[in-house]
Protein backbone atom coordinates (compact mmCIF):
# COMPACT_ATOMS: atom_id res chain seq x y z
CA UNK A 1 111.02 116.39 102.63
CA UNK A 2 113.10 115.51 105.68
CA UNK A 3 114.65 112.05 105.74
CA UNK A 4 115.88 109.95 108.66
CA UNK A 5 119.12 110.41 110.62
CA UNK A 6 122.40 109.43 108.99
CA UNK A 7 124.45 106.74 110.76
CA UNK A 8 128.07 107.49 111.60
CA UNK A 9 130.40 105.99 109.00
CA UNK A 10 133.88 104.99 110.12
CA UNK A 11 136.21 104.47 107.14
CA UNK A 12 137.98 101.14 106.76
CA UNK A 13 141.67 101.87 107.23
CA UNK A 14 143.26 98.75 105.74
CA UNK A 15 143.79 97.28 103.23
CA UNK A 16 143.27 100.00 100.60
CA UNK A 17 141.44 97.86 98.04
CA UNK A 18 142.31 100.21 95.18
CA UNK A 19 142.92 97.29 92.81
CA UNK A 20 139.42 95.81 93.20
CA UNK A 21 136.90 96.94 90.59
CA UNK A 22 133.26 97.42 91.52
CA UNK A 23 131.16 95.13 89.34
CA UNK A 24 127.37 94.75 89.21
CA UNK A 25 124.86 92.80 87.19
CA UNK A 26 123.37 95.37 84.82
CA UNK A 27 119.76 94.53 83.93
CA UNK A 28 119.93 96.47 80.68
CA UNK A 29 123.17 94.77 79.61
CA UNK A 30 122.13 91.35 80.90
CA UNK A 31 125.52 90.64 82.47
CA UNK A 32 127.90 91.62 85.25
CA UNK A 33 129.86 94.69 84.19
CA UNK A 34 132.33 97.12 85.80
CA UNK A 35 130.75 100.27 87.24
CA UNK A 36 132.55 103.47 86.26
CA UNK A 37 132.18 105.49 89.45
CA UNK A 38 134.57 108.37 88.90
CA UNK A 39 134.76 110.91 91.70
CA UNK A 40 131.02 111.65 91.64
CA UNK A 41 128.43 108.89 91.50
CA UNK A 42 124.66 109.29 91.30
CA UNK A 43 122.29 106.73 92.82
CA UNK A 44 118.51 106.77 92.43
CA UNK A 45 116.32 104.24 94.24
CA UNK A 46 112.56 104.30 93.88
CA UNK A 47 110.86 105.04 97.20
CA UNK A 48 107.68 103.94 98.91
CA UNK A 49 104.02 104.65 98.33
CA UNK A 50 103.17 105.31 101.99
CA UNK A 51 99.94 103.42 102.59
CA UNK A 52 101.27 100.57 104.78
CA UNK A 53 104.29 99.69 106.90
CA UNK A 54 107.70 98.53 105.67
CA UNK A 55 107.84 94.78 105.08
CA UNK A 56 110.91 92.62 104.49
CA UNK A 57 110.55 92.95 100.73
CA UNK A 58 110.92 96.73 100.99
CA UNK A 59 113.70 96.41 103.54
CA UNK A 60 115.64 94.02 101.29
CA UNK A 61 115.67 96.60 98.49
CA UNK A 62 116.78 99.50 100.66
CA UNK A 63 119.43 97.45 102.45
CA UNK A 64 120.78 96.20 99.11
CA UNK A 65 121.23 99.70 97.74
CA UNK A 66 122.59 100.83 101.09
CA UNK A 67 125.32 98.23 100.55
CA UNK A 68 125.81 99.55 97.02
CA UNK A 69 126.27 103.06 98.38
CA UNK A 70 128.70 101.86 101.04
CA UNK A 71 130.73 100.04 98.39
CA UNK A 72 130.83 103.16 96.21
CA UNK A 73 131.98 105.28 99.14
CA UNK A 74 134.62 102.72 100.09
CA UNK A 75 135.85 102.78 96.47
CA UNK A 76 136.47 106.52 96.80
CA UNK A 77 133.38 108.00 95.14
CA UNK A 78 131.32 110.90 96.41
CA UNK A 79 127.76 109.56 96.16
CA UNK A 80 124.65 111.65 95.62
CA UNK A 81 121.71 109.50 96.60
CA UNK A 82 118.16 110.45 95.60
CA UNK A 83 114.92 108.74 96.60
CA UNK A 84 111.32 109.73 95.94
CA UNK A 85 108.17 109.27 97.98
CA UNK A 86 104.96 108.67 96.03
CA UNK A 87 102.85 110.55 98.54
CA UNK A 88 99.81 110.80 96.28
CA UNK A 89 98.69 107.82 94.23
CA UNK A 90 95.70 105.51 93.77
CA UNK A 91 96.70 102.88 96.39
CA UNK A 92 97.18 105.59 99.01
CA UNK A 93 93.85 107.24 98.19
CA UNK A 94 92.04 103.89 98.20
CA UNK A 95 93.51 102.86 101.58
CA UNK A 96 92.65 106.23 103.12
CA UNK A 97 89.07 105.97 101.85
CA UNK A 98 88.77 102.42 103.17
CA UNK A 99 90.01 103.42 106.62
CA UNK A 100 88.12 106.72 106.74
CA UNK A 101 91.23 108.88 107.19
CA UNK A 102 92.65 111.83 105.31
CA UNK A 103 95.12 110.61 102.69
CA UNK A 104 97.69 113.21 103.78
CA UNK A 105 97.55 112.02 107.39
CA UNK A 106 97.94 108.39 106.29
CA UNK A 107 100.95 109.30 104.16
CA UNK A 108 102.60 111.26 106.97
CA UNK A 109 102.17 108.48 109.52
CA UNK A 110 103.48 105.77 107.19
CA UNK A 111 106.46 107.89 106.11
CA UNK A 112 107.40 108.40 109.77
CA UNK A 113 107.16 104.66 110.39
CA UNK A 114 109.34 103.99 107.33
CA UNK A 115 111.93 106.46 108.62
CA UNK A 116 112.06 104.63 111.94
CA UNK A 117 112.55 101.28 110.22
CA UNK A 118 115.32 102.60 107.97
CA UNK A 119 117.13 104.29 110.84
CA UNK A 120 116.91 101.13 112.95
CA UNK A 121 118.31 99.05 110.08
CA UNK A 122 121.27 101.40 109.65
CA UNK A 123 120.36 102.51 106.13
CA UNK A 124 122.16 105.64 104.95
CA UNK A 125 119.47 108.20 104.02
CA UNK A 126 119.33 109.97 100.66
CA UNK A 127 120.67 113.50 100.39
CA UNK A 128 117.58 114.36 98.36
CA UNK A 129 114.40 112.76 99.70
CA UNK A 130 111.64 114.16 97.56
CA UNK A 131 107.88 113.80 97.80
CA UNK A 132 105.71 114.04 94.73
CA UNK A 133 103.40 116.63 96.28
CA UNK A 134 106.23 119.03 97.13
CA UNK A 135 107.72 118.71 93.62
CA UNK A 136 104.48 119.02 91.64
CA UNK A 137 105.71 121.91 89.49
CA UNK A 138 108.61 119.76 88.21
CA UNK A 139 106.22 117.11 86.93
CA UNK A 140 103.68 119.46 85.35
CA UNK A 141 106.47 121.43 83.64
CA UNK A 142 107.91 118.28 82.09
CA UNK A 143 104.48 117.16 80.89
CA UNK A 144 104.00 120.58 79.31
CA UNK A 145 107.38 120.30 77.53
CA UNK A 146 106.48 116.93 76.06
CA UNK A 147 103.16 118.27 74.83
CA UNK A 148 104.79 121.37 73.32
CA UNK A 149 107.28 119.20 71.41
CA UNK A 150 104.57 116.95 70.05
CA UNK A 151 105.93 113.94 71.93
CA UNK A 152 102.81 113.55 74.05
CA UNK A 153 99.08 113.66 73.29
CA UNK A 154 95.79 114.04 75.11
CA UNK A 155 92.89 111.64 75.54
CA UNK A 156 89.38 112.70 76.57
CA UNK A 157 88.26 111.52 79.99
CA UNK A 158 85.12 109.36 79.72
CA UNK A 159 82.04 111.11 81.08
CA UNK A 160 81.42 108.25 83.51
CA UNK A 161 84.64 109.08 85.38
CA UNK A 162 83.28 112.31 86.88
CA UNK A 163 85.79 114.77 85.46
CA UNK A 164 85.18 118.37 84.47
CA UNK A 165 83.85 118.97 80.98
CA UNK A 166 86.65 118.79 78.44
CA UNK A 167 89.14 117.21 80.85
CA UNK A 168 91.96 115.34 79.16
CA UNK A 169 94.59 112.87 80.31
CA UNK A 170 98.08 113.13 78.83
CA UNK A 171 100.10 110.20 77.45
CA UNK A 172 103.60 109.81 76.01
CA UNK A 173 103.71 108.72 72.37
CA UNK A 174 106.04 105.71 72.45
CA UNK A 175 106.01 105.45 68.67
CA UNK A 176 108.39 108.43 68.64
CA UNK A 177 110.76 106.90 71.19
CA UNK A 178 113.34 104.51 69.68
CA UNK A 179 114.86 103.68 73.10
CA UNK A 180 111.66 102.08 74.40
CA UNK A 181 112.52 98.55 75.50
CA UNK A 182 116.22 99.21 76.06
CA UNK A 183 116.03 98.63 79.83
CA UNK A 184 114.00 95.43 80.01
CA UNK A 185 114.55 94.06 76.48
CA UNK A 186 111.15 92.40 76.85
CA UNK A 187 108.92 91.60 73.91
CA UNK A 188 105.35 92.89 73.77
CA UNK A 189 103.90 89.61 75.01
CA UNK A 190 106.06 89.76 78.15
CA UNK A 191 105.11 93.39 78.68
CA UNK A 192 101.41 92.72 78.29
CA UNK A 193 101.52 89.89 80.83
CA UNK A 194 102.30 92.32 83.68
CA UNK A 195 101.32 95.78 82.43
CA UNK A 196 97.83 95.97 83.91
CA UNK A 197 98.89 94.47 87.25
CA UNK A 198 101.69 97.02 87.58
CA UNK A 199 99.68 100.18 87.13
CA UNK A 200 99.19 100.22 83.36
CA UNK A 201 95.92 100.84 81.53
CA UNK A 202 96.13 98.77 78.33
CA UNK A 203 92.37 98.94 77.70
CA UNK A 204 92.09 102.73 77.80
CA UNK A 205 90.24 103.94 74.73
CA UNK A 206 91.94 106.67 72.75
CA UNK A 207 95.53 105.62 73.42
CA UNK A 208 97.71 105.31 70.35
CA UNK A 209 99.53 102.28 71.77
CA UNK A 210 98.46 100.07 74.66
CA UNK A 211 101.79 100.72 76.41
CA UNK A 212 101.83 104.51 76.12
CA UNK A 213 102.40 105.66 79.73
CA UNK A 214 100.14 108.10 81.55
CA UNK A 215 101.93 111.41 82.13
CA UNK A 216 99.11 113.42 83.72
CA UNK A 217 95.77 112.30 85.12
CA UNK A 218 93.10 114.96 84.76
CA UNK A 219 91.18 115.85 87.90
CA UNK A 220 88.30 113.55 88.82
CA UNK A 221 85.63 114.45 91.35
CA UNK A 222 86.78 113.74 94.91
CA UNK A 223 90.45 113.28 93.98
CA UNK A 224 93.30 115.65 94.90
CA UNK A 225 94.48 117.78 92.01
CA UNK A 226 96.96 120.56 91.22
CA UNK A 227 97.09 123.21 88.54
CA UNK A 228 99.32 121.91 85.78
CA UNK A 229 99.28 125.15 83.83
CA UNK A 230 98.19 125.91 80.24
CA UNK A 231 97.72 122.83 78.10
CA UNK A 232 98.10 120.45 81.05
CA UNK A 233 95.17 121.48 83.24
CA UNK A 234 94.26 120.41 86.74
CA UNK A 235 95.24 116.93 87.81
CA UNK A 236 98.22 114.97 89.10
CA UNK A 237 101.19 113.19 87.52
CA UNK A 238 101.35 109.59 86.43
CA UNK A 239 103.59 107.29 88.44
CA UNK A 240 106.53 107.04 86.05
CA UNK A 241 107.01 110.74 85.29
CA UNK A 242 107.50 111.39 89.01
CA UNK A 243 110.76 109.47 89.14
CA UNK A 244 111.85 110.85 85.79
CA UNK A 245 111.41 114.44 86.97
CA UNK A 246 112.98 113.98 90.41
CA UNK A 247 116.03 112.10 89.07
CA UNK A 248 116.66 114.64 86.32
CA UNK A 249 116.33 117.54 88.74
CA UNK A 250 118.75 116.20 91.35
CA UNK A 251 121.11 113.93 89.39
CA UNK A 252 120.85 115.04 85.79
CA UNK A 253 120.76 112.77 82.78
CA UNK A 254 123.27 109.90 82.65
CA UNK A 255 123.65 109.21 86.37
CA UNK A 256 125.44 106.12 87.62
CA UNK A 257 122.92 103.65 88.99
CA UNK A 258 119.13 103.18 89.05
CA UNK A 259 117.94 100.65 91.63
CA UNK A 260 114.74 98.98 92.76
CA UNK A 261 112.96 95.65 92.88
CA UNK A 262 112.68 93.34 89.88
CA UNK A 263 108.97 94.20 89.72
CA UNK A 264 110.01 97.72 88.65
CA UNK A 265 111.98 96.66 85.57
CA UNK A 266 108.83 96.94 83.49
CA UNK A 267 106.96 99.16 83.26
CA UNK A 268 108.33 101.60 85.83
CA UNK A 269 112.03 101.75 85.05
CA UNK A 270 111.43 101.28 81.34
CA UNK A 271 108.98 104.19 81.27
CA UNK A 272 111.03 106.43 83.56
CA UNK A 273 113.98 106.05 81.22
CA UNK A 274 112.12 106.53 77.95
CA UNK A 275 110.40 109.67 79.30
CA UNK A 276 113.77 111.11 80.33
CA UNK A 277 115.19 110.34 76.91
CA UNK A 278 112.20 112.10 75.33
CA UNK A 279 112.77 115.17 77.50
CA UNK A 280 116.53 115.43 76.97
CA UNK A 281 117.19 113.61 73.71
CA UNK A 282 120.36 112.27 75.31
CA UNK A 283 120.15 108.64 76.42
CA UNK A 284 120.92 106.87 78.64
CA UNK A 285 118.86 108.01 81.63
CA UNK A 286 121.04 105.84 83.90
CA UNK A 287 124.26 104.08 82.93
CA UNK A 288 123.45 101.00 85.01
CA UNK A 289 120.32 99.27 86.33
CA UNK A 290 120.37 96.86 89.26
CA UNK A 291 117.36 95.04 90.70
CA UNK A 292 116.56 93.30 93.96
CA UNK A 293 114.90 89.88 93.82
CA UNK A 294 111.46 89.31 95.31
CA UNK A 295 110.91 88.13 98.88
CA UNK A 296 108.20 85.54 99.46
CA UNK A 297 106.20 84.42 102.47
CA UNK A 298 103.68 81.59 102.76
CA UNK A 299 104.37 80.55 99.19
CA UNK A 300 103.75 83.90 97.47
CA UNK A 301 105.56 87.17 96.81
CA UNK A 302 105.37 89.35 99.92
CA UNK A 303 103.15 92.29 99.01
CA UNK A 304 100.71 94.76 100.52
CA UNK A 305 97.98 93.69 98.12
CA UNK A 306 98.19 90.05 99.25
CA UNK A 307 98.61 90.98 102.91
CA UNK A 308 101.26 88.29 103.50
CA UNK A 309 103.64 90.67 105.20
CA UNK A 310 106.44 90.33 107.70
CA UNK A 311 106.75 93.93 108.88
CA UNK A 312 109.99 95.38 110.17
CA UNK A 313 108.15 97.54 112.70
CA UNK A 314 106.35 94.51 114.13
CA UNK A 315 109.59 92.56 114.52
CA UNK A 316 111.12 95.57 116.24
CA UNK A 317 108.18 95.86 118.64
CA UNK A 318 108.63 92.19 119.47
CA UNK A 319 112.16 92.99 120.62
CA UNK A 320 114.10 91.68 117.63
CA UNK A 321 117.47 93.41 117.25
CA UNK A 322 117.35 95.34 113.92
CA UNK A 323 120.89 94.15 113.21
CA UNK A 324 119.62 90.58 113.20
CA UNK A 325 116.95 91.61 110.68
CA UNK A 326 119.65 93.21 108.55
CA UNK A 327 121.72 90.01 108.71
CA UNK A 328 118.73 88.00 107.47
CA UNK A 329 118.64 90.25 104.41
CA UNK A 330 122.39 90.25 103.86
CA UNK A 331 122.51 86.45 103.94
CA UNK A 332 120.56 86.33 100.66
CA UNK A 333 122.16 87.35 97.38
CA UNK A 334 120.28 90.44 96.25
CA UNK A 335 119.42 89.09 92.78
CA UNK A 336 117.89 85.87 94.08
CA UNK A 337 114.22 85.43 94.91
CA UNK A 338 113.83 83.89 98.37
CA UNK A 339 111.22 83.04 100.95
CA UNK A 340 111.25 84.20 104.54
CA UNK A 341 110.95 81.58 107.30
CA UNK A 342 111.47 82.04 111.03
CA UNK A 343 114.58 79.85 110.94
CA UNK A 344 116.40 82.55 108.96
CA UNK A 345 115.87 85.03 111.78
CA UNK A 346 116.96 82.47 114.39
CA UNK A 347 120.19 81.87 112.45
CA UNK A 348 120.80 85.60 112.11
CA UNK A 349 120.39 86.12 115.86
CA UNK A 350 122.94 83.39 116.53
CA UNK A 351 125.38 84.83 113.99
CA UNK A 352 125.06 88.30 115.54
CA UNK A 353 125.72 86.90 119.01
CA UNK A 354 128.76 84.99 117.71
CA UNK A 355 130.22 88.07 116.07
CA UNK A 356 129.71 90.16 119.19
CA UNK A 357 131.39 87.56 121.37
CA UNK A 358 134.33 87.30 118.96
CA UNK A 359 135.15 91.01 118.94
CA UNK A 360 135.37 91.16 122.72
CA UNK A 361 138.97 90.01 122.29
CA UNK A 362 141.51 90.26 119.47
CA UNK A 363 141.67 87.41 117.00
CA UNK A 364 143.88 86.52 114.05
CA UNK A 365 145.16 89.12 111.58
CA UNK A 366 142.14 90.87 110.07
CA UNK A 367 143.80 92.01 106.83
CA UNK A 368 142.88 88.95 104.70
CA UNK A 369 139.33 89.07 106.05
CA UNK A 370 138.89 92.74 105.16
CA UNK A 371 140.18 92.06 101.65
CA UNK A 372 137.79 89.11 101.31
CA UNK A 373 134.85 91.25 102.41
CA UNK A 374 135.80 93.98 99.95
CA UNK A 375 136.23 91.54 97.08
CA UNK A 376 132.90 89.88 97.82
CA UNK A 377 130.95 93.15 97.97
CA UNK A 378 132.60 94.60 94.88
CA UNK A 379 131.76 91.41 93.00
CA UNK A 380 128.05 91.98 92.39
CA UNK A 381 127.29 92.76 96.05
CA UNK A 382 127.97 89.19 97.20
CA UNK A 383 126.86 89.77 100.78
CA UNK A 384 126.58 86.04 101.69
CA UNK A 385 130.28 85.62 100.86
CA UNK A 386 131.12 88.72 102.91
CA UNK A 387 129.24 87.32 105.92
CA UNK A 388 131.04 84.00 105.50
CA UNK A 389 134.40 85.82 105.61
CA UNK A 390 133.49 87.38 108.98
CA UNK A 391 132.27 83.98 110.22
CA UNK A 392 135.64 82.50 109.30
CA UNK A 393 137.56 85.21 111.18
CA UNK A 394 135.43 84.60 114.27
CA UNK A 395 136.16 80.87 114.12
CA UNK A 396 139.86 81.13 113.24
CA UNK A 397 142.52 80.02 115.68
CA UNK A 398 146.10 81.24 115.71
CA UNK A 399 148.31 84.05 116.94
CA UNK A 400 146.31 87.08 118.02
CA UNK A 401 146.93 90.39 116.24
CA UNK A 402 146.60 93.59 118.24
CA UNK A 403 143.74 95.72 116.96
CA UNK A 404 142.23 93.01 114.79
CA UNK A 405 138.90 93.04 116.61
CA UNK A 406 138.55 96.79 116.12
CA UNK A 407 139.36 96.38 112.42
CA UNK A 408 136.64 93.76 112.08
CA UNK A 409 134.22 95.95 113.98
CA UNK A 410 135.00 98.82 111.59
CA UNK A 411 134.62 96.80 108.39
CA UNK A 412 131.36 95.22 109.56
CA UNK A 413 130.06 98.67 110.44
CA UNK A 414 131.26 100.58 107.37
CA UNK A 415 130.73 98.02 104.62
CA UNK A 416 127.95 95.79 105.95
CA UNK A 417 126.13 98.39 108.03
CA UNK A 418 125.97 96.10 111.06
CA UNK A 419 126.63 97.69 114.45
CA UNK A 420 128.41 95.32 116.80
C-alpha cells in the first residue's frame, strides 16, 4: 500500500550529541531505560482502522513516534518503520453498512484523508505501509502454523451467526504461552475490566480461557472473507494477529520499539507479542514498548465511538496552519493524558509566529540551544522542554552569532518536525 510523501530531512550539523543516550519509558519494564539502537533500528506503530477521519488523539500518537524516529535518526541509526492499516474490521463494516457505502470505498477515502493529515503535519511515513487485505496470506499462514503446532484450537460458530455448516473460529491457547502478561503486567481483574470494550469476546462459549485471542474469524453471511487454506477455512484474521504477522514479516522478531496509544497496551500489544512468541519461540517480540497518553475533549477520552472529536482535517479546512497543530501536540508530554481546549491552539499559533519572527535575523549562539533540544528529546521524548529551549533562544539578548538562525531553523525542522 502506498503511503504519503516523505518530508525533506536536513541533518543537524552541530553539536554532535554523541554523548547523549536515548532513553524512553518502557511500558514492559515500568521505568525509563536506555534504548539500544545499534546501526539498524526497527519501529512498529499500529495504524488506523479507516472508518473516520484523523482526530487529535490519533495525531498525537503519530507525531510522538515521528519524534521518536527523528531522535533515532539523529542518534545515527538507520530506522525501518512499519505501520499497518486495518482495512477490514468490524467497525469499518458497521460504519459502511450504516452509511450505505461499500466498505472498500469507505476505507480508501479515509486512508487518503489520513495521508493528507500526516503529510500536512510533517510526519515521516513508514517504509512499509501494509494493509491487512493485501497481506492476507501472511495472516492465514501464521494461523495455520499455530494450529499445526497444537498452539491454537477451533471453536464451532453458533448456528445463529449465519455461518456455513461446520464453520469454526480459531483461537490461541494462552495456557501454553508463559510470556502472556509480560507486556502489561496486569492481573486478570485489570484485564477483564477492559477486554470486552477493546475488542475481546470473554463470553464466547467454547473458549478454553476468556482471554484467548481470536486468530481467525470464520466467514459469516454478508461479511467479506478470504480462503485461509486447509484447516483454516474461509474467513478473515483477528485484529491482533494482523500486527503480529506484518511486524514479523518486515522487521523480524526482536525489533527495537513497538508504539501506540495506552489503550493498546492490553489486549492488543499483549496479544500481538504473545502470538509472535508462540510462532517463533524466541521472545521478546519487541525490546521496548512506548505508549502515548490519551487525549480528551469535553471531559471524556476523544474517540470515534463517543463522537467527541477534534479532527485534523477540519482544522486544516478552517485555515489552521498544520505546524500550529503539531506544536499543540508537542507541548504535551507524550505519556501524559491531557484535554484539548481552544486556548492550546491559540498559544501554539502565537508560539509559531514568535519563532518565525525570531529566525528572520540571527540571534545568540545556537549551540547551547541545540544541545538542550537534543538532551530533552533523548530524555523520554521531553518535547515540552525542547519547545521551551527554542522559546528561550528566541527571547535571548546578546551578541548575535552568524548563522544561528539557520541552525535553529534546521534543528526545529529535523528534530521537532516543524517547518518555519
